[in-house]
Amino acid sequence: MEVFCYLVFDEQSREGILIDPAGNEDELLKLLQSEGVRLRYVLNTHGHADHTCGNNTIRKATGALVVMHALDDDFFQEDANRQWAKTMGFNPAPPADVRVNDGDEIQFGNNIGARFVHTPGHTPGACCILIGGNLFTGDTLFVGAVGRTDLPGGSFEQLIESIRTKILPLPRETIIWPGHDYGDSAQSTIGREMSTNPYITDFLLEEE
C-alpha cells in the first residue's frame, strides 16, 4: 500500500521514534540496530491497520511505548473495526500504551518534541505530528491529494475543515511528510500544496 514509516531520532542521544510502522518490521528493527537507535515510542497518525499492524512486533522487540489519539484508540478497538482489519489481512493492533489529545507533546532525545495536531476527517482521531518544521500528515494530507473519507468514521467536511484550521495556518515552508507515496514526490511543503493541491485550491482557497 506504499505506506511511509518514518524514523526520527536525536543524533546525540540516539533516542528516537517510529511513526506508523506497518510491514517490513524485520527491516525496521535492522535499521534501528544499524543506526544505534534506542526506540522510545511508536507514534501512530491514526488507527487504520495499514499504519498500525507493526505496532505489537516493534513494541515487543524494543520496549517502545505505542502512542495514539484517544478517539482512534477507542474506535479501532471496537469489534467491527478489528474484524475489518482481519478481513484486509492485517493483525489488529492492541490498545495504545499512551493516549493523547490535541496539542499533547511527546518528548524524546534531548528535548525534541513531537506535537499531536488533531485533524479528524480520515478517522475520528486522525492526527498530524509536528516536529520542528516537519509535519507528518498520515492520511490527512498527501502530496497533491487528501485521505479518503468513505470508510467508517470518515467525513470529508471534517477533513477539509481540519486542513483549513490546523494545517494551512502553519508556516508555508513547513515540510509535509505524507502517510503514503501517492504523489509526484515523496514530500512537499504547505506552500506547494496551497498552490497545487486541488483539494486546497478548489475547496479552501477559492472560498476566501
Protein backbone atom coordinates (compact mmCIF):
# COMPACT_ATOMS: atom_id res chain seq x y z
CA MET A 1 0.00 0.00 0.00
CA GLU A 2 3.04 2.26 -0.31
CA VAL A 3 2.83 3.28 3.34
CA PHE A 4 5.56 5.54 4.61
CA CYS A 5 7.11 4.77 8.00
CA TYR A 6 9.38 7.42 9.45
CA LEU A 7 12.29 7.05 11.85
CA VAL A 8 13.13 10.25 13.72
CA PHE A 9 15.94 10.31 16.26
CA ASP A 10 18.28 12.58 18.17
CA GLU A 11 21.77 12.22 16.70
CA GLN A 12 23.42 12.86 20.07
CA SER A 13 21.44 10.62 22.41
CA ARG A 14 20.40 8.17 19.64
CA GLU A 15 16.92 8.05 21.18
CA GLY A 16 14.10 8.03 18.66
CA ILE A 17 10.58 7.33 17.50
CA LEU A 18 8.95 5.41 14.68
CA ILE A 19 5.87 6.89 13.03
CA ASP A 20 3.37 4.39 11.59
CA PRO A 21 5.38 1.15 11.43
CA ALA A 22 3.34 -1.20 9.27
CA GLY A 23 5.02 -4.01 7.39
CA ASN A 24 8.72 -4.78 6.95
CA GLU A 25 9.16 -4.94 10.72
CA ASP A 26 12.34 -7.02 10.38
CA GLU A 27 13.86 -4.33 8.17
CA LEU A 28 12.83 -1.63 10.61
CA LEU A 29 14.46 -3.48 13.50
CA LYS A 30 17.66 -3.91 11.46
CA LEU A 31 17.59 -0.19 10.69
CA LEU A 32 17.29 0.66 14.37
CA GLN A 33 20.23 -1.61 15.11
CA SER A 34 22.41 -0.29 12.29
CA GLU A 35 21.76 3.31 13.33
CA GLY A 36 22.24 2.52 17.01
CA VAL A 37 18.86 3.99 17.85
CA ARG A 38 17.10 3.27 21.13
CA LEU A 39 13.43 3.41 20.29
CA ARG A 40 11.35 5.15 22.93
CA TYR A 41 7.96 5.49 21.22
CA VAL A 42 5.87 4.24 18.32
CA LEU A 43 3.62 7.09 17.17
CA ASN A 44 0.51 6.45 15.09
CA THR A 45 -1.05 9.17 12.96
CA HIS A 46 -4.32 7.19 13.04
CA GLY A 47 -5.65 3.74 13.76
CA HIS A 48 -6.06 2.09 10.35
CA ALA A 49 -4.37 -1.28 10.25
CA ASP A 50 -2.14 -0.43 7.28
CA HIS A 51 -0.44 2.07 9.61
CA THR A 52 -0.54 0.12 12.88
CA CYS A 53 -0.08 -3.57 12.05
CA GLY A 54 3.59 -3.42 13.08
CA ASN A 55 2.93 -1.86 16.48
CA ASN A 56 2.99 -5.03 18.52
CA THR A 57 6.05 -6.55 16.86
CA ILE A 58 8.08 -3.36 17.31
CA ARG A 59 6.87 -2.87 20.87
CA LYS A 60 7.80 -6.42 21.90
CA ALA A 61 11.23 -6.19 20.28
CA THR A 62 12.22 -2.77 21.62
CA GLY A 63 10.08 -1.98 24.66
CA ALA A 64 8.86 1.21 22.98
CA LEU A 65 5.51 2.64 24.05
CA VAL A 66 2.72 2.95 21.46
CA VAL A 67 1.06 6.37 21.27
CA MET A 68 -2.28 7.16 19.59
CA HIS A 69 -5.04 9.74 19.86
CA ALA A 70 -7.65 8.61 22.39
CA LEU A 71 -10.54 8.70 19.90
CA ASP A 72 -8.84 6.33 17.45
CA ASP A 73 -7.58 4.11 20.26
CA ASP A 74 -11.20 3.58 21.29
CA PHE A 75 -12.62 3.42 17.76
CA PHE A 76 -10.22 0.81 16.42
CA GLN A 77 -10.62 -1.48 19.42
CA GLU A 78 -14.30 -1.93 18.58
CA ASP A 79 -15.10 -5.45 17.37
CA ALA A 80 -16.30 -4.34 13.94
CA ASN A 81 -13.10 -2.42 13.23
CA ARG A 82 -10.86 -5.21 14.48
CA GLN A 83 -12.73 -7.62 12.21
CA TRP A 84 -12.33 -5.24 9.27
CA ALA A 85 -8.56 -5.24 9.82
CA LYS A 86 -8.52 -9.03 9.78
CA THR A 87 -10.59 -9.07 6.59
CA MET A 88 -7.98 -6.84 4.97
CA GLY A 89 -5.28 -9.32 6.00
CA PHE A 90 -3.80 -7.33 8.90
CA ASN A 91 -3.21 -8.16 12.53
CA PRO A 92 -5.29 -5.72 14.60
CA ALA A 93 -3.11 -3.59 16.86
CA PRO A 94 -3.58 -3.87 20.64
CA PRO A 95 -4.61 -0.80 22.65
CA ALA A 96 -2.11 2.05 22.86
CA ASP A 97 0.15 2.45 25.87
CA VAL A 98 -0.18 6.25 25.79
CA ARG A 99 -3.38 8.05 24.74
CA VAL A 100 -3.06 11.66 23.60
CA ASN A 101 -5.32 14.53 22.65
CA ASP A 102 -4.95 17.64 20.51
CA GLY A 103 -1.84 19.60 21.42
CA ASP A 104 -0.22 16.92 23.55
CA GLU A 105 3.52 16.59 23.07
CA ILE A 106 5.76 13.54 23.32
CA GLN A 107 9.36 14.25 24.31
CA PHE A 108 12.33 12.16 23.19
CA GLY A 109 16.06 12.61 22.83
CA ASN A 110 17.49 15.86 24.12
CA ASN A 111 14.24 17.82 24.40
CA ILE A 112 12.84 17.04 20.96
CA GLY A 113 9.08 17.47 20.97
CA ALA A 114 6.56 15.67 18.76
CA ARG A 115 3.23 17.52 19.00
CA PHE A 116 -0.04 15.83 18.09
CA VAL A 117 -2.29 18.03 15.96
CA HIS A 118 -5.79 16.54 15.86
CA THR A 119 -7.04 16.56 12.25
CA PRO A 120 -10.22 14.44 12.16
CA GLY A 121 -11.83 13.53 8.88
CA HIS A 122 -9.98 10.46 7.64
CA THR A 123 -10.71 8.87 11.02
CA PRO A 124 -12.16 10.37 14.22
CA GLY A 125 -8.78 10.56 15.93
CA ALA A 126 -6.53 11.20 12.94
CA CYS A 127 -3.57 13.43 13.76
CA CYS A 128 -0.64 15.14 12.14
CA ILE A 129 2.61 15.09 14.10
CA LEU A 130 4.64 18.29 14.19
CA ILE A 131 8.38 18.05 14.89
CA GLY A 132 10.14 21.36 14.35
CA GLY A 133 9.41 22.43 10.79
CA ASN A 134 8.28 18.96 9.75
CA LEU A 135 4.63 17.84 9.65
CA PHE A 136 3.95 14.11 9.37
CA THR A 137 0.45 14.16 7.95
CA GLY A 138 -0.54 10.48 7.88
CA ASP A 139 -3.63 10.12 5.69
CA THR A 140 -4.93 13.63 6.31
CA LEU A 141 -2.92 15.30 3.55
CA PHE A 142 -0.98 13.71 0.71
CA VAL A 143 1.17 15.28 -1.97
CA GLY A 144 -1.50 16.56 -4.36
CA ALA A 145 -4.42 14.87 -2.61
CA VAL A 146 -6.10 14.09 0.71
CA GLY A 147 -7.05 10.91 2.53
CA ARG A 148 -10.21 9.01 1.70
CA THR A 149 -13.30 9.67 3.80
CA ASP A 150 -15.62 6.87 2.69
CA LEU A 151 -14.57 4.42 5.43
CA PRO A 152 -16.30 4.17 8.83
CA GLY A 153 -15.64 7.26 10.92
CA GLY A 154 -14.68 9.38 7.92
CA SER A 155 -16.06 12.80 7.00
CA PHE A 156 -14.99 14.89 4.00
CA GLU A 157 -16.35 18.10 5.54
CA GLN A 158 -14.43 17.42 8.73
CA LEU A 159 -11.24 16.63 6.80
CA ILE A 160 -11.38 19.86 4.82
CA GLU A 161 -12.05 21.85 8.00
CA SER A 162 -9.07 20.17 9.67
CA ILE A 163 -6.80 21.21 6.81
CA ARG A 164 -8.21 24.74 6.92
CA THR A 165 -7.83 25.28 10.65
CA LYS A 166 -4.87 23.09 11.63
CA ILE A 167 -2.53 22.80 8.63
CA LEU A 168 -2.83 25.93 6.48
CA PRO A 169 -2.06 28.32 9.38
CA LEU A 170 1.41 26.73 9.74
CA PRO A 171 4.39 28.39 8.01
CA ARG A 172 4.40 27.75 4.28
CA GLU A 173 7.92 26.33 4.42
CA THR A 174 6.75 23.54 6.74
CA ILE A 175 7.73 20.22 5.14
CA ILE A 176 4.91 17.76 4.53
CA TRP A 177 5.74 14.07 5.07
CA PRO A 178 2.65 12.08 3.97
CA GLY A 179 1.49 8.63 5.03
CA HIS A 180 1.56 7.13 1.52
CA ASP A 181 3.74 7.54 -1.55
CA TYR A 182 0.87 8.61 -3.80
CA GLY A 183 2.16 11.90 -5.22
CA ASP A 184 4.76 13.08 -7.70
CA SER A 185 7.32 13.38 -4.91
CA ALA A 186 7.92 11.78 -1.53
CA GLN A 187 7.37 15.02 0.37
CA SER A 188 6.15 18.55 -0.19
CA THR A 189 5.62 21.83 1.65
CA ILE A 190 2.49 23.59 2.82
CA GLY A 191 3.25 26.38 0.36
CA ARG A 192 3.48 23.99 -2.57
CA GLU A 193 0.26 22.24 -1.60
CA MET A 194 -1.50 25.60 -1.35
CA SER A 195 -0.51 26.22 -4.96
CA THR A 196 -1.03 22.78 -6.50
CA ASN A 197 -3.29 20.56 -4.38
CA PRO A 198 -6.81 20.74 -5.88
CA TYR A 199 -8.44 19.92 -2.55
CA ILE A 200 -6.90 23.08 -1.16
CA THR A 201 -7.10 25.36 -4.20
CA ASP A 202 -10.68 24.34 -5.09
CA PHE A 203 -12.31 23.66 -1.73
CA LEU A 204 -10.50 26.12 0.54
CA LEU A 205 -8.63 28.96 -1.12
CA GLU A 206 -11.35 29.52 -3.71
CA GLU A 207 -13.78 30.28 -0.89
CA GLU A 208 -11.64 33.04 0.60
